[in-house]
Amino acid sequence: MGAASSGAYAVIMMVATSVFGLAPWVSSAVAYVLAMIINFPLQRSFTFMSKGDVRREGLKYLSVHLLNLLVSVAVVHLITQILQWPVFVSVAAVIIIIPLIQFLVLEIWVFKPLMRER
């Protein structure tokens, strides 16, 4: 997710859970969607310096993030509800697991360099 969106995810998740009393999995979903909105233009322009079709990349990006959202909510549910560990452990797990998966998929499929598209 990148440092900015990981930070946003962590703050939103913790505030939504501790201040607003949302269930951890709901807080995770809200935080993830808000961080994703921040992340697309930053990753497209700076991380991957893409010049590809923004609509095509946007649809691929959205599909990757929908999968990531499901994984993050599942991880949060597993850690907080099944294992009964603290919410901050689930936040840390999501911040570590999702970016690793995401970077690879974005590099290989979403923002692949033009040379590889031919």
N, C-alpha and C. Protein backbone atom coordinates (compact mmCIF):
# COMPACT_ATOMS: atom_id res chain seq x y z
N MET A 1 0.81 -1.20 0.00
CA MET A 1 0.00 0.00 0.00
C MET A 1 0.85 1.25 0.00
N GLY A 2 2.10 1.15 0.31
CA GLY A 2 2.93 2.33 0.40
C GLY A 2 2.84 2.92 1.79
N ALA A 3 3.84 3.68 2.14
CA ALA A 3 3.92 4.24 3.50
C ALA A 3 2.73 5.14 3.83
N ALA A 4 2.35 6.00 2.90
CA ALA A 4 1.24 6.93 3.16
C ALA A 4 -0.07 6.19 3.38
N SER A 5 -0.37 5.25 2.50
CA SER A 5 -1.64 4.55 2.65
C SER A 5 -1.61 3.54 3.79
N SER A 6 -0.44 2.96 4.09
CA SER A 6 -0.34 2.07 5.25
C SER A 6 -0.59 2.85 6.54
N GLY A 7 -0.02 4.04 6.59
CA GLY A 7 -0.26 4.91 7.75
C GLY A 7 -1.72 5.30 7.87
N ALA A 8 -2.32 5.66 6.73
CA ALA A 8 -3.74 6.02 6.72
C ALA A 8 -4.59 4.83 7.15
N TYR A 9 -4.27 3.64 6.63
CA TYR A 9 -5.00 2.42 7.00
C TYR A 9 -4.93 2.21 8.51
N ALA A 10 -3.73 2.28 9.07
CA ALA A 10 -3.55 2.02 10.51
C ALA A 10 -4.33 3.01 11.36
N VAL A 11 -4.24 4.30 11.03
CA VAL A 11 -4.94 5.32 11.82
C VAL A 11 -6.45 5.16 11.71
N ILE A 12 -6.95 5.02 10.48
CA ILE A 12 -8.39 4.88 10.28
C ILE A 12 -8.91 3.62 10.97
N MET A 13 -8.19 2.53 10.83
CA MET A 13 -8.60 1.26 11.45
C MET A 13 -8.68 1.39 12.97
N MET A 14 -7.65 1.96 13.58
CA MET A 14 -7.63 2.07 15.04
C MET A 14 -8.70 3.05 15.54
N VAL A 15 -8.88 4.17 14.85
CA VAL A 15 -9.90 5.14 15.26
C VAL A 15 -11.30 4.57 15.09
N ALA A 16 -11.54 3.93 13.95
CA ALA A 16 -12.87 3.36 13.71
C ALA A 16 -13.22 2.29 14.74
N THR A 17 -12.22 1.53 15.16
CA THR A 17 -12.46 0.47 16.13
C THR A 17 -12.58 1.03 17.55
N SER A 18 -11.61 1.83 17.97
CA SER A 18 -11.57 2.27 19.37
C SER A 18 -12.48 3.47 19.66
N VAL A 19 -12.60 4.41 18.74
CA VAL A 19 -13.41 5.61 18.99
C VAL A 19 -14.87 5.40 18.58
N PHE A 20 -15.08 4.84 17.39
CA PHE A 20 -16.44 4.68 16.89
C PHE A 20 -17.06 3.33 17.22
N GLY A 21 -16.26 2.41 17.75
CA GLY A 21 -16.77 1.13 18.18
C GLY A 21 -17.18 0.18 17.07
N LEU A 22 -16.67 0.39 15.87
CA LEU A 22 -16.98 -0.52 14.78
C LEU A 22 -16.27 -1.86 14.99
N ALA A 23 -16.86 -2.91 14.49
CA ALA A 23 -16.22 -4.22 14.54
C ALA A 23 -14.90 -4.13 13.77
N PRO A 24 -13.88 -4.85 14.21
CA PRO A 24 -12.58 -4.77 13.53
C PRO A 24 -12.65 -5.06 12.04
N TRP A 25 -13.46 -6.02 11.61
CA TRP A 25 -13.51 -6.33 10.18
C TRP A 25 -14.16 -5.21 9.39
N VAL A 26 -15.14 -4.51 9.98
CA VAL A 26 -15.77 -3.37 9.32
C VAL A 26 -14.78 -2.22 9.24
N SER A 27 -14.08 -1.97 10.34
CA SER A 27 -13.06 -0.92 10.37
C SER A 27 -11.99 -1.18 9.33
N SER A 28 -11.60 -2.44 9.18
CA SER A 28 -10.59 -2.81 8.20
C SER A 28 -11.07 -2.51 6.78
N ALA A 29 -12.31 -2.85 6.49
CA ALA A 29 -12.85 -2.60 5.15
C ALA A 29 -12.92 -1.11 4.85
N VAL A 30 -13.41 -0.32 5.79
CA VAL A 30 -13.50 1.13 5.60
C VAL A 30 -12.10 1.73 5.41
N ALA A 31 -11.18 1.34 6.27
CA ALA A 31 -9.81 1.85 6.19
C ALA A 31 -9.15 1.46 4.88
N TYR A 32 -9.37 0.24 4.44
CA TYR A 32 -8.75 -0.24 3.22
C TYR A 32 -9.26 0.53 2.00
N VAL A 33 -10.56 0.74 1.92
CA VAL A 33 -11.14 1.46 0.77
C VAL A 33 -10.62 2.90 0.73
N LEU A 34 -10.58 3.56 1.88
CA LEU A 34 -10.09 4.93 1.91
C LEU A 34 -8.61 5.01 1.53
N ALA A 35 -7.82 4.07 2.00
CA ALA A 35 -6.40 4.04 1.65
C ALA A 35 -6.22 3.75 0.16
N MET A 36 -7.05 2.91 -0.40
CA MET A 36 -6.97 2.56 -1.83
C MET A 36 -7.20 3.80 -2.69
N ILE A 37 -8.13 4.64 -2.30
CA ILE A 37 -8.43 5.86 -3.06
C ILE A 37 -7.21 6.78 -3.09
N ILE A 38 -6.49 6.85 -1.99
CA ILE A 38 -5.27 7.65 -1.90
C ILE A 38 -4.18 7.03 -2.78
N ASN A 39 -4.12 5.73 -2.79
CA ASN A 39 -3.01 4.99 -3.36
C ASN A 39 -2.94 4.96 -4.88
N PHE A 40 -4.07 4.85 -5.59
CA PHE A 40 -4.02 4.66 -7.04
C PHE A 40 -3.23 5.74 -7.78
N PRO A 41 -3.57 7.01 -7.59
CA PRO A 41 -2.81 8.02 -8.34
C PRO A 41 -1.33 8.08 -7.94
N LEU A 42 -1.04 7.81 -6.66
CA LEU A 42 0.35 7.83 -6.22
C LEU A 42 1.15 6.69 -6.83
N GLN A 43 0.58 5.48 -6.81
CA GLN A 43 1.30 4.35 -7.38
C GLN A 43 1.42 4.45 -8.88
N ARG A 44 0.37 4.87 -9.52
CA ARG A 44 0.39 4.99 -10.98
C ARG A 44 1.43 6.00 -11.43
N SER A 45 1.45 7.16 -10.78
CA SER A 45 2.33 8.24 -11.22
C SER A 45 3.76 8.14 -10.73
N PHE A 46 3.95 7.72 -9.49
CA PHE A 46 5.29 7.76 -8.90
C PHE A 46 5.96 6.39 -8.79
N THR A 47 5.26 5.42 -8.23
CA THR A 47 5.89 4.11 -8.02
C THR A 47 6.17 3.41 -9.34
N PHE A 48 5.16 3.36 -10.22
CA PHE A 48 5.29 2.60 -11.46
C PHE A 48 5.47 3.49 -12.69
N MET A 49 5.33 4.81 -12.52
CA MET A 49 5.49 5.79 -13.60
C MET A 49 4.80 5.33 -14.89
N SER A 50 3.56 4.93 -14.76
CA SER A 50 2.81 4.37 -15.87
C SER A 50 2.29 5.44 -16.81
N LYS A 51 2.33 5.12 -18.07
CA LYS A 51 1.76 5.97 -19.12
C LYS A 51 0.65 5.22 -19.87
N GLY A 52 0.23 4.09 -19.29
CA GLY A 52 -0.79 3.26 -19.94
C GLY A 52 -2.18 3.87 -19.83
N ASP A 53 -3.16 3.18 -20.40
CA ASP A 53 -4.55 3.61 -20.38
C ASP A 53 -5.07 3.60 -18.94
N VAL A 54 -5.44 4.77 -18.45
CA VAL A 54 -5.85 4.90 -17.05
C VAL A 54 -7.11 4.10 -16.73
N ARG A 55 -8.03 3.99 -17.69
CA ARG A 55 -9.25 3.21 -17.44
C ARG A 55 -8.95 1.72 -17.30
N ARG A 56 -8.12 1.22 -18.21
CA ARG A 56 -7.76 -0.21 -18.16
C ARG A 56 -6.99 -0.51 -16.88
N GLU A 57 -6.02 0.34 -16.57
CA GLU A 57 -5.24 0.14 -15.35
C GLU A 57 -6.13 0.31 -14.11
N GLY A 58 -7.05 1.25 -14.17
CA GLY A 58 -7.95 1.47 -13.04
C GLY A 58 -8.82 0.26 -12.76
N LEU A 59 -9.35 -0.37 -13.80
CA LEU A 59 -10.17 -1.58 -13.61
C LEU A 59 -9.34 -2.73 -13.05
N LYS A 60 -8.14 -2.91 -13.57
CA LYS A 60 -7.27 -3.96 -13.05
C LYS A 60 -6.91 -3.66 -11.60
N TYR A 61 -6.59 -2.40 -11.32
CA TYR A 61 -6.23 -1.98 -9.97
C TYR A 61 -7.39 -2.26 -9.01
N LEU A 62 -8.59 -1.92 -9.42
CA LEU A 62 -9.77 -2.16 -8.59
C LEU A 62 -9.96 -3.65 -8.32
N SER A 63 -9.77 -4.49 -9.34
CA SER A 63 -9.94 -5.93 -9.13
C SER A 63 -8.89 -6.49 -8.17
N VAL A 64 -7.65 -6.02 -8.28
CA VAL A 64 -6.60 -6.44 -7.34
C VAL A 64 -6.97 -6.02 -5.93
N HIS A 65 -7.46 -4.81 -5.80
CA HIS A 65 -7.79 -4.31 -4.46
C HIS A 65 -9.03 -4.96 -3.87
N LEU A 66 -9.97 -5.36 -4.69
CA LEU A 66 -11.12 -6.10 -4.15
C LEU A 66 -10.66 -7.42 -3.54
N LEU A 67 -9.75 -8.10 -4.22
CA LEU A 67 -9.18 -9.33 -3.67
C LEU A 67 -8.40 -9.02 -2.38
N ASN A 68 -7.58 -7.96 -2.41
CA ASN A 68 -6.83 -7.57 -1.22
C ASN A 68 -7.74 -7.21 -0.06
N LEU A 69 -8.85 -6.55 -0.38
CA LEU A 69 -9.83 -6.19 0.66
C LEU A 69 -10.38 -7.44 1.33
N LEU A 70 -10.73 -8.43 0.53
CA LEU A 70 -11.24 -9.69 1.10
C LEU A 70 -10.18 -10.36 1.97
N VAL A 71 -8.95 -10.37 1.50
CA VAL A 71 -7.86 -10.98 2.29
C VAL A 71 -7.65 -10.20 3.58
N SER A 72 -7.64 -8.88 3.52
CA SER A 72 -7.40 -8.09 4.73
C SER A 72 -8.51 -8.28 5.76
N VAL A 73 -9.77 -8.32 5.30
CA VAL A 73 -10.89 -8.53 6.22
C VAL A 73 -10.80 -9.94 6.82
N ALA A 74 -10.43 -10.91 6.03
CA ALA A 74 -10.29 -12.28 6.54
C ALA A 74 -9.17 -12.37 7.58
N VAL A 75 -8.05 -11.71 7.32
CA VAL A 75 -6.93 -11.71 8.27
C VAL A 75 -7.35 -11.05 9.58
N VAL A 76 -8.04 -9.91 9.47
CA VAL A 76 -8.50 -9.21 10.68
C VAL A 76 -9.48 -10.10 11.45
N HIS A 77 -10.40 -10.73 10.77
CA HIS A 77 -11.36 -11.62 11.44
C HIS A 77 -10.64 -12.78 12.13
N LEU A 78 -9.72 -13.41 11.42
CA LEU A 78 -8.96 -14.51 12.00
C LEU A 78 -8.23 -14.08 13.26
N ILE A 79 -7.53 -12.97 13.18
CA ILE A 79 -6.70 -12.53 14.31
C ILE A 79 -7.54 -12.03 15.48
N THR A 80 -8.57 -11.22 15.21
CA THR A 80 -9.33 -10.62 16.32
C THR A 80 -10.44 -11.51 16.86
N GLN A 81 -11.11 -12.26 15.99
CA GLN A 81 -12.26 -13.04 16.44
C GLN A 81 -11.94 -14.49 16.76
N ILE A 82 -11.12 -15.11 15.96
CA ILE A 82 -10.82 -16.53 16.17
C ILE A 82 -9.66 -16.70 17.15
N LEU A 83 -8.55 -15.99 16.88
CA LEU A 83 -7.39 -16.10 17.77
C LEU A 83 -7.51 -15.22 19.01
N GLN A 84 -8.44 -14.25 18.97
CA GLN A 84 -8.69 -13.33 20.10
C GLN A 84 -7.45 -12.50 20.45
N TRP A 85 -6.69 -12.14 19.44
CA TRP A 85 -5.52 -11.28 19.66
C TRP A 85 -5.96 -9.82 19.52
N PRO A 86 -5.15 -8.88 19.99
CA PRO A 86 -5.52 -7.46 19.92
C PRO A 86 -5.62 -6.95 18.47
N VAL A 87 -6.42 -5.90 18.29
CA VAL A 87 -6.64 -5.30 16.98
C VAL A 87 -5.33 -4.84 16.35
N PHE A 88 -4.42 -4.27 17.15
CA PHE A 88 -3.17 -3.76 16.57
C PHE A 88 -2.35 -4.87 15.92
N VAL A 89 -2.50 -6.11 16.36
CA VAL A 89 -1.80 -7.24 15.73
C VAL A 89 -2.36 -7.46 14.32
N SER A 90 -3.68 -7.35 14.19
CA SER A 90 -4.28 -7.52 12.87
C SER A 90 -3.86 -6.38 11.94
N VAL A 91 -3.77 -5.17 12.46
CA VAL A 91 -3.32 -4.02 11.66
C VAL A 91 -1.91 -4.28 11.14
N ALA A 92 -1.03 -4.72 12.03
CA ALA A 92 0.35 -5.01 11.64
C ALA A 92 0.40 -6.12 10.58
N ALA A 93 -0.39 -7.15 10.76
CA ALA A 93 -0.40 -8.26 9.80
C ALA A 93 -0.84 -7.80 8.42
N VAL A 94 -1.90 -7.00 8.36
CA VAL A 94 -2.40 -6.50 7.08
C VAL A 94 -1.38 -5.59 6.42
N ILE A 95 -0.73 -4.75 7.20
CA ILE A 95 0.26 -3.82 6.65
C ILE A 95 1.48 -4.56 6.11
N ILE A 96 1.73 -5.75 6.59
CA ILE A 96 2.87 -6.54 6.10
C ILE A 96 2.45 -7.44 4.93
N ILE A 97 1.35 -8.15 5.06
CA ILE A 97 0.94 -9.14 4.06
C ILE A 97 0.47 -8.52 2.75
N ILE A 98 -0.44 -7.57 2.83
CA ILE A 98 -1.07 -7.02 1.63
C ILE A 98 -0.06 -6.31 0.71
N PRO A 99 0.81 -5.45 1.21
CA PRO A 99 1.74 -4.79 0.29
C PRO A 99 2.65 -5.75 -0.46
N LEU A 100 3.04 -6.83 0.17
CA LEU A 100 3.90 -7.79 -0.52
C LEU A 100 3.18 -8.41 -1.72
N ILE A 101 1.96 -8.86 -1.49
CA ILE A 101 1.17 -9.45 -2.57
C ILE A 101 0.86 -8.40 -3.63
N GLN A 102 0.45 -7.25 -3.17
CA GLN A 102 0.01 -6.19 -4.07
C GLN A 102 1.13 -5.72 -4.99
N PHE A 103 2.31 -5.48 -4.46
CA PHE A 103 3.39 -4.96 -5.30
C PHE A 103 3.68 -5.91 -6.46
N LEU A 104 3.74 -7.19 -6.16
CA LEU A 104 4.02 -8.16 -7.22
C LEU A 104 2.94 -8.16 -8.30
N VAL A 105 1.69 -8.14 -7.89
CA VAL A 105 0.60 -8.17 -8.86
C VAL A 105 0.55 -6.87 -9.66
N LEU A 106 0.77 -5.74 -9.00
CA LEU A 106 0.76 -4.47 -9.71
C LEU A 106 1.90 -4.39 -10.72
N GLU A 107 3.06 -4.85 -10.33
CA GLU A 107 4.24 -4.83 -11.21
C GLU A 107 4.06 -5.75 -12.41
N ILE A 108 3.53 -6.94 -12.18
CA ILE A 108 3.43 -7.95 -13.23
C ILE A 108 2.21 -7.74 -14.13
N TRP A 109 1.09 -7.28 -13.56
CA TRP A 109 -0.16 -7.27 -14.32
C TRP A 109 -0.76 -5.88 -14.55
N VAL A 110 -0.87 -5.07 -13.51
CA VAL A 110 -1.60 -3.81 -13.63
C VAL A 110 -0.80 -2.73 -14.36
N PHE A 111 0.41 -2.47 -13.89
CA PHE A 111 1.22 -1.38 -14.44
C PHE A 111 2.43 -1.91 -15.19
N LYS A 112 2.29 -3.04 -15.85
CA LYS A 112 3.45 -3.64 -16.52
C LYS A 112 4.01 -2.65 -17.55
N PRO A 113 5.32 -2.60 -17.66
CA PRO A 113 5.93 -1.68 -18.61
C PRO A 113 5.46 -1.97 -20.04
N LEU A 114 5.41 -0.93 -20.85
CA LEU A 114 4.93 -1.06 -22.23
C LEU A 114 5.73 -2.07 -23.03
N MET A 115 7.01 -2.21 -22.76
CA MET A 115 7.85 -3.15 -23.50
C MET A 115 7.32 -4.58 -23.34
N ARG A 116 6.79 -4.91 -22.17
CA ARG A 116 6.30 -6.26 -21.93
C ARG A 116 4.90 -6.48 -22.49
N GLU A 117 4.18 -5.41 -22.86
CA GLU A 117 2.82 -5.55 -23.36
C GLU A 117 2.79 -6.03 -24.80
N ARG A 118 3.86 -5.91 -25.55
CA ARG A 118 3.88 -6.27 -26.98
C ARG A 118 3.97 -7.72 -27.20
